[in-house]
């Protein structure tokens, strides 16, 4: 309900400005409204972008934890050399690399290089 009052007020103020002062102040009024709308839109897009970056970072960390857990299980004597676990480890590393590439291309994230001993 309050939105409608604000919209009606904006329109009536514009009509009043045009009637009393002419076209130039009315165009200035429209320009100000347009600029405020653009600023609001940019701020909302930046907020959504930062939330998306945070979510993708969390997913990447979870997949990395999963990969570490698989490597721990694979190093146990019972499962050492199991081809299925090795393929899961390889697949999880591929997913981690895909997420890192995604983050590096779309967000301002520094990519840490892994040592050859780890990989």
N, C-alpha and C. Protein backbone atom coordinates (compact mmCIF):
# COMPACT_ATOMS: atom_id res chain seq x y z
N UNK A 1 0.83 -1.19 0.00
CA UNK A 1 0.00 0.00 0.00
C UNK A 1 0.87 1.26 0.00
N UNK A 2 1.96 1.22 0.79
CA UNK A 2 2.85 2.37 0.85
C UNK A 2 3.54 2.62 -0.49
N UNK A 3 3.80 1.54 -1.26
CA UNK A 3 4.44 1.70 -2.56
C UNK A 3 3.56 2.53 -3.49
N UNK A 4 2.26 2.28 -3.43
CA UNK A 4 1.35 3.03 -4.30
C UNK A 4 1.35 4.52 -3.95
N UNK A 5 1.40 4.83 -2.67
CA UNK A 5 1.47 6.24 -2.26
C UNK A 5 2.74 6.89 -2.75
N UNK A 6 3.85 6.16 -2.69
CA UNK A 6 5.12 6.71 -3.17
C UNK A 6 5.05 6.93 -4.68
N UNK A 7 4.52 5.97 -5.43
CA UNK A 7 4.41 6.11 -6.88
C UNK A 7 3.50 7.30 -7.25
N UNK A 8 2.38 7.41 -6.59
CA UNK A 8 1.46 8.52 -6.85
C UNK A 8 2.12 9.85 -6.51
N UNK A 9 2.85 9.88 -5.40
CA UNK A 9 3.54 11.10 -4.99
C UNK A 9 4.60 11.51 -6.01
N UNK A 10 5.34 10.55 -6.53
CA UNK A 10 6.38 10.85 -7.53
C UNK A 10 5.73 11.42 -8.79
N UNK A 11 4.65 10.83 -9.24
CA UNK A 11 3.98 11.32 -10.45
C UNK A 11 3.39 12.71 -10.22
N UNK A 12 2.72 12.90 -9.10
CA UNK A 12 2.12 14.21 -8.83
C UNK A 12 3.17 15.30 -8.66
N UNK A 13 4.30 14.97 -8.03
CA UNK A 13 5.37 15.96 -7.90
C UNK A 13 5.95 16.32 -9.25
N UNK A 14 6.06 15.35 -10.14
CA UNK A 14 6.54 15.63 -11.49
C UNK A 14 5.58 16.54 -12.24
N UNK A 15 4.29 16.26 -12.15
CA UNK A 15 3.28 17.10 -12.81
C UNK A 15 3.30 18.51 -12.23
N UNK A 16 3.42 18.61 -10.92
CA UNK A 16 3.47 19.93 -10.26
C UNK A 16 4.71 20.71 -10.70
N UNK A 17 5.85 20.05 -10.77
CA UNK A 17 7.07 20.72 -11.22
C UNK A 17 6.93 21.22 -12.65
N UNK A 18 6.36 20.41 -13.51
CA UNK A 18 6.21 20.82 -14.90
C UNK A 18 5.22 21.98 -15.03
N UNK A 19 4.19 21.96 -14.25
CA UNK A 19 3.18 23.01 -14.33
C UNK A 19 3.72 24.34 -13.80
N UNK A 20 4.41 24.29 -12.68
CA UNK A 20 4.88 25.52 -12.06
C UNK A 20 6.15 26.08 -12.67
N UNK A 21 7.13 25.21 -12.97
CA UNK A 21 8.44 25.72 -13.36
C UNK A 21 8.81 25.46 -14.81
N UNK A 22 8.13 24.58 -15.50
CA UNK A 22 8.43 24.33 -16.91
C UNK A 22 9.03 22.95 -17.14
N UNK A 23 9.50 22.77 -18.37
CA UNK A 23 9.95 21.47 -18.81
C UNK A 23 11.34 21.12 -18.29
N UNK A 24 12.26 22.10 -18.23
CA UNK A 24 13.65 21.81 -17.84
C UNK A 24 13.73 21.28 -16.40
N UNK A 25 13.10 21.89 -15.40
CA UNK A 25 13.14 21.29 -14.06
C UNK A 25 12.48 19.91 -14.01
N UNK A 26 11.46 19.70 -14.83
CA UNK A 26 10.82 18.39 -14.88
C UNK A 26 11.78 17.34 -15.43
N UNK A 27 12.53 17.69 -16.47
CA UNK A 27 13.52 16.76 -17.02
C UNK A 27 14.64 16.50 -16.01
N UNK A 28 15.02 17.50 -15.26
CA UNK A 28 16.01 17.32 -14.20
C UNK A 28 15.48 16.37 -13.13
N UNK A 29 14.21 16.53 -12.81
CA UNK A 29 13.55 15.65 -11.84
C UNK A 29 13.54 14.21 -12.35
N UNK A 30 13.19 13.99 -13.63
CA UNK A 30 13.21 12.65 -14.21
C UNK A 30 14.62 12.07 -14.22
N UNK A 31 15.60 12.90 -14.53
CA UNK A 31 16.98 12.44 -14.54
C UNK A 31 17.43 12.00 -13.15
N UNK A 32 17.03 12.75 -12.13
CA UNK A 32 17.38 12.39 -10.76
C UNK A 32 16.73 11.07 -10.37
N UNK A 33 15.46 10.90 -10.71
CA UNK A 33 14.78 9.63 -10.42
C UNK A 33 15.44 8.47 -11.15
N UNK A 34 15.80 8.67 -12.39
CA UNK A 34 16.45 7.63 -13.17
C UNK A 34 17.80 7.25 -12.55
N UNK A 35 18.59 8.26 -12.17
CA UNK A 35 19.90 7.99 -11.56
C UNK A 35 19.76 7.26 -10.23
N UNK A 36 18.78 7.63 -9.43
CA UNK A 36 18.56 6.92 -8.16
C UNK A 36 18.15 5.47 -8.42
N UNK A 37 17.34 5.24 -9.43
CA UNK A 37 16.96 3.88 -9.79
C UNK A 37 18.14 3.05 -10.26
N UNK A 38 19.01 3.65 -11.05
CA UNK A 38 20.21 2.95 -11.52
C UNK A 38 21.14 2.62 -10.35
N UNK A 39 21.31 3.55 -9.42
CA UNK A 39 22.16 3.31 -8.25
C UNK A 39 21.59 2.17 -7.41
N UNK A 40 20.29 2.16 -7.20
CA UNK A 40 19.65 1.08 -6.44
C UNK A 40 19.88 -0.26 -7.13
N UNK A 41 19.75 -0.29 -8.46
CA UNK A 41 19.92 -1.53 -9.21
C UNK A 41 21.36 -2.03 -9.13
N UNK A 42 22.33 -1.15 -9.27
CA UNK A 42 23.74 -1.53 -9.21
C UNK A 42 24.09 -2.09 -7.83
N UNK A 43 23.60 -1.45 -6.78
CA UNK A 43 23.86 -1.94 -5.42
C UNK A 43 23.27 -3.33 -5.22
N UNK A 44 22.05 -3.55 -5.71
CA UNK A 44 21.44 -4.87 -5.54
C UNK A 44 22.18 -5.94 -6.35
N UNK A 45 22.68 -5.61 -7.53
CA UNK A 45 23.44 -6.57 -8.32
C UNK A 45 24.77 -6.90 -7.64
N UNK A 46 25.42 -5.90 -7.06
CA UNK A 46 26.68 -6.14 -6.35
C UNK A 46 26.45 -7.03 -5.13
N UNK A 47 25.36 -6.82 -4.42
CA UNK A 47 25.05 -7.69 -3.27
C UNK A 47 24.83 -9.13 -3.70
N UNK A 48 24.06 -9.32 -4.77
CA UNK A 48 23.81 -10.67 -5.26
C UNK A 48 25.10 -11.33 -5.74
N UNK A 49 25.96 -10.57 -6.37
CA UNK A 49 27.23 -11.09 -6.85
C UNK A 49 28.11 -11.54 -5.69
N UNK A 50 28.16 -10.76 -4.62
CA UNK A 50 28.99 -11.15 -3.48
C UNK A 50 28.41 -12.37 -2.77
N UNK A 51 27.09 -12.49 -2.71
CA UNK A 51 26.46 -13.68 -2.13
C UNK A 51 26.77 -14.92 -2.98
N UNK A 52 26.73 -14.77 -4.28
CA UNK A 52 27.04 -15.87 -5.18
C UNK A 52 28.49 -16.31 -5.02
N UNK A 53 29.40 -15.34 -4.92
CA UNK A 53 30.81 -15.66 -4.73
C UNK A 53 31.03 -16.41 -3.42
N UNK A 54 30.36 -15.98 -2.37
CA UNK A 54 30.48 -16.65 -1.07
C UNK A 54 29.96 -18.08 -1.14
N UNK A 55 28.82 -18.28 -1.79
CA UNK A 55 28.24 -19.62 -1.91
C UNK A 55 29.14 -20.56 -2.72
N UNK A 56 29.70 -20.06 -3.80
CA UNK A 56 30.57 -20.88 -4.63
C UNK A 56 31.85 -21.23 -3.87
N UNK A 57 32.38 -20.31 -3.08
CA UNK A 57 33.55 -20.60 -2.27
C UNK A 57 33.24 -21.69 -1.25
N UNK A 58 32.07 -21.63 -0.63
CA UNK A 58 31.68 -22.65 0.34
C UNK A 58 31.55 -24.02 -0.32
N UNK A 59 30.94 -24.07 -1.50
CA UNK A 59 30.79 -25.34 -2.22
C UNK A 59 32.16 -25.89 -2.59
N UNK A 60 33.05 -25.04 -3.03
CA UNK A 60 34.39 -25.48 -3.38
C UNK A 60 35.12 -26.05 -2.18
N UNK A 61 34.98 -25.41 -1.02
CA UNK A 61 35.62 -25.92 0.19
C UNK A 61 35.02 -27.27 0.60
N UNK A 62 33.72 -27.44 0.46
CA UNK A 62 33.09 -28.72 0.80
C UNK A 62 33.58 -29.83 -0.11
N UNK A 63 33.72 -29.55 -1.39
CA UNK A 63 34.21 -30.56 -2.31
C UNK A 63 35.67 -30.89 -2.01
N UNK A 64 36.45 -29.88 -1.64
CA UNK A 64 37.84 -30.13 -1.28
C UNK A 64 37.93 -31.00 -0.01
N UNK A 65 37.06 -30.75 0.96
CA UNK A 65 37.02 -31.59 2.16
C UNK A 65 36.63 -33.02 1.81
N UNK A 66 35.69 -33.18 0.90
CA UNK A 66 35.28 -34.51 0.44
C UNK A 66 36.46 -35.22 -0.22
N UNK A 67 37.19 -34.51 -1.04
CA UNK A 67 38.35 -35.10 -1.71
C UNK A 67 39.41 -35.53 -0.70
N UNK A 68 39.65 -34.70 0.31
CA UNK A 68 40.61 -35.06 1.36
C UNK A 68 40.15 -36.30 2.12
N UNK A 69 38.86 -36.39 2.38
CA UNK A 69 38.33 -37.56 3.08
C UNK A 69 38.50 -38.82 2.24
N UNK A 70 38.25 -38.70 0.94
CA UNK A 70 38.45 -39.85 0.05
C UNK A 70 39.91 -40.29 0.06
N UNK A 71 40.82 -39.33 0.04
CA UNK A 71 42.25 -39.68 0.06
C UNK A 71 42.63 -40.36 1.37
N UNK A 72 42.04 -39.92 2.48
CA UNK A 72 42.31 -40.58 3.76
C UNK A 72 41.81 -42.02 3.74
N UNK A 73 40.63 -42.25 3.21
CA UNK A 73 40.09 -43.60 3.12
C UNK A 73 40.94 -44.45 2.19
N UNK A 74 41.36 -43.87 1.09
CA UNK A 74 42.17 -44.61 0.11
C UNK A 74 43.52 -45.01 0.70
N UNK A 75 44.05 -44.23 1.62
CA UNK A 75 45.35 -44.55 2.20
C UNK A 75 45.27 -45.64 3.28
N UNK A 76 44.08 -46.01 3.71
CA UNK A 76 43.94 -47.11 4.67
C UNK A 76 44.36 -48.42 4.02
N UNK A 77 44.89 -49.32 4.84
CA UNK A 77 45.37 -50.60 4.30
C UNK A 77 44.27 -51.39 3.60
N UNK A 78 43.08 -51.35 4.15
CA UNK A 78 41.98 -52.14 3.60
C UNK A 78 41.64 -51.70 2.18
N UNK A 79 41.69 -50.39 1.92
CA UNK A 79 41.25 -49.85 0.63
C UNK A 79 42.40 -49.42 -0.27
N UNK A 80 43.64 -49.58 0.18
CA UNK A 80 44.78 -49.08 -0.60
C UNK A 80 44.82 -49.76 -1.97
N UNK A 81 44.86 -48.95 -3.01
CA UNK A 81 44.93 -49.46 -4.37
C UNK A 81 43.59 -49.73 -5.01
N UNK A 82 42.48 -49.43 -4.34
CA UNK A 82 41.16 -49.66 -4.90
C UNK A 82 40.95 -48.70 -6.07
N UNK A 83 40.62 -49.24 -7.22
CA UNK A 83 40.47 -48.43 -8.43
C UNK A 83 39.25 -47.52 -8.36
N UNK A 84 38.18 -47.98 -7.72
CA UNK A 84 36.98 -47.15 -7.60
C UNK A 84 37.26 -45.91 -6.77
N UNK A 85 37.95 -46.08 -5.65
CA UNK A 85 38.30 -44.93 -4.82
C UNK A 85 39.26 -44.00 -5.55
N UNK A 86 40.18 -44.57 -6.30
CA UNK A 86 41.12 -43.73 -7.06
C UNK A 86 40.38 -42.92 -8.11
N UNK A 87 39.38 -43.51 -8.76
CA UNK A 87 38.62 -42.74 -9.76
C UNK A 87 37.77 -41.67 -9.09
N UNK A 88 37.25 -41.95 -7.88
CA UNK A 88 36.52 -40.92 -7.14
C UNK A 88 37.44 -39.76 -6.76
N UNK A 89 38.65 -40.08 -6.36
CA UNK A 89 39.62 -39.04 -6.01
C UNK A 89 39.94 -38.18 -7.23
N UNK A 90 40.16 -38.83 -8.35
CA UNK A 90 40.45 -38.10 -9.59
C UNK A 90 39.27 -37.23 -10.00
N UNK A 91 38.07 -37.76 -9.88
CA UNK A 91 36.87 -37.00 -10.22
C UNK A 91 36.70 -35.79 -9.30
N UNK A 92 36.92 -35.98 -7.99
CA UNK A 92 36.76 -34.86 -7.06
C UNK A 92 37.82 -33.78 -7.31
N UNK A 93 39.03 -34.20 -7.67
CA UNK A 93 40.07 -33.20 -8.00
C UNK A 93 39.67 -32.41 -9.25
N UNK A 94 39.08 -33.11 -10.21
CA UNK A 94 38.60 -32.41 -11.41
C UNK A 94 37.51 -31.40 -11.08
N UNK A 95 36.59 -31.78 -10.19
CA UNK A 95 35.55 -30.83 -9.77
C UNK A 95 36.15 -29.62 -9.07
N UNK A 96 37.12 -29.86 -8.21
CA UNK A 96 37.77 -28.75 -7.50
C UNK A 96 38.43 -27.81 -8.51
N UNK A 97 39.13 -28.38 -9.49
CA UNK A 97 39.78 -27.55 -10.50
C UNK A 97 38.75 -26.76 -11.32
N UNK A 98 37.61 -27.38 -11.62
CA UNK A 98 36.56 -26.66 -12.35
C UNK A 98 36.04 -25.48 -11.54
N UNK A 99 35.82 -25.69 -10.24
CA UNK A 99 35.35 -24.59 -9.40
C UNK A 99 36.41 -23.50 -9.28
N UNK A 100 37.65 -23.87 -9.19
CA UNK A 100 38.73 -22.87 -9.11
C UNK A 100 38.79 -22.07 -10.40
N UNK A 101 38.67 -22.73 -11.54
CA UNK A 101 38.66 -22.03 -12.82
C UNK A 101 37.47 -21.08 -12.92
N UNK A 102 36.31 -21.55 -12.45
CA UNK A 102 35.11 -20.70 -12.46
C UNK A 102 35.30 -19.46 -11.60
N UNK A 103 35.84 -19.66 -10.39
CA UNK A 103 36.08 -18.54 -9.49
C UNK A 103 37.10 -17.57 -10.08
N UNK A 104 38.14 -18.09 -10.68
CA UNK A 104 39.18 -17.23 -11.24
C UNK A 104 38.68 -16.43 -12.42
N UNK A 105 37.76 -16.99 -13.20
CA UNK A 105 37.28 -16.27 -14.38
C UNK A 105 36.16 -15.28 -14.08
N UNK A 106 35.37 -15.52 -13.03
CA UNK A 106 34.23 -14.64 -12.78
C UNK A 106 34.35 -13.77 -11.54
N UNK A 107 35.25 -14.11 -10.63
CA UNK A 107 35.37 -13.35 -9.40
C UNK A 107 36.83 -12.95 -9.19
N UNK A 108 37.04 -12.00 -8.29
CA UNK A 108 38.38 -11.54 -7.95
C UNK A 108 38.97 -12.45 -6.89
N UNK A 109 39.39 -13.65 -7.29
CA UNK A 109 39.89 -14.64 -6.34
C UNK A 109 41.30 -15.01 -6.76
N UNK A 110 42.19 -15.04 -5.76
CA UNK A 110 43.54 -15.49 -6.05
C UNK A 110 43.57 -17.01 -6.01
N UNK A 111 44.15 -17.61 -7.02
CA UNK A 111 44.21 -19.06 -7.13
C UNK A 111 45.54 -19.51 -6.55
N UNK A 112 45.47 -20.44 -5.59
CA UNK A 112 46.67 -20.97 -4.98
C UNK A 112 47.12 -22.20 -5.77
N UNK A 113 48.40 -22.23 -6.09
CA UNK A 113 48.95 -23.37 -6.83
C UNK A 113 49.30 -24.47 -5.84
N UNK A 114 48.91 -25.70 -6.17
CA UNK A 114 49.22 -26.85 -5.32
C UNK A 114 50.61 -27.35 -5.65
N UNK A 115 51.31 -27.88 -4.67
CA UNK A 115 52.62 -28.46 -4.87
C UNK A 115 52.48 -29.75 -5.67
N UNK A 116 53.55 -30.14 -6.35
CA UNK A 116 53.54 -31.39 -7.09
C UNK A 116 53.46 -32.59 -6.18
N UNK A 117 53.98 -32.46 -4.96
CA UNK A 117 53.95 -33.56 -4.01
C UNK A 117 52.53 -33.89 -3.58
N UNK A 118 51.68 -32.84 -3.43
CA UNK A 118 50.30 -33.05 -3.00
C UNK A 118 49.48 -33.69 -4.11
N UNK A 119 49.61 -33.18 -5.34
CA UNK A 119 48.78 -33.64 -6.45
C UNK A 119 49.41 -34.81 -7.09
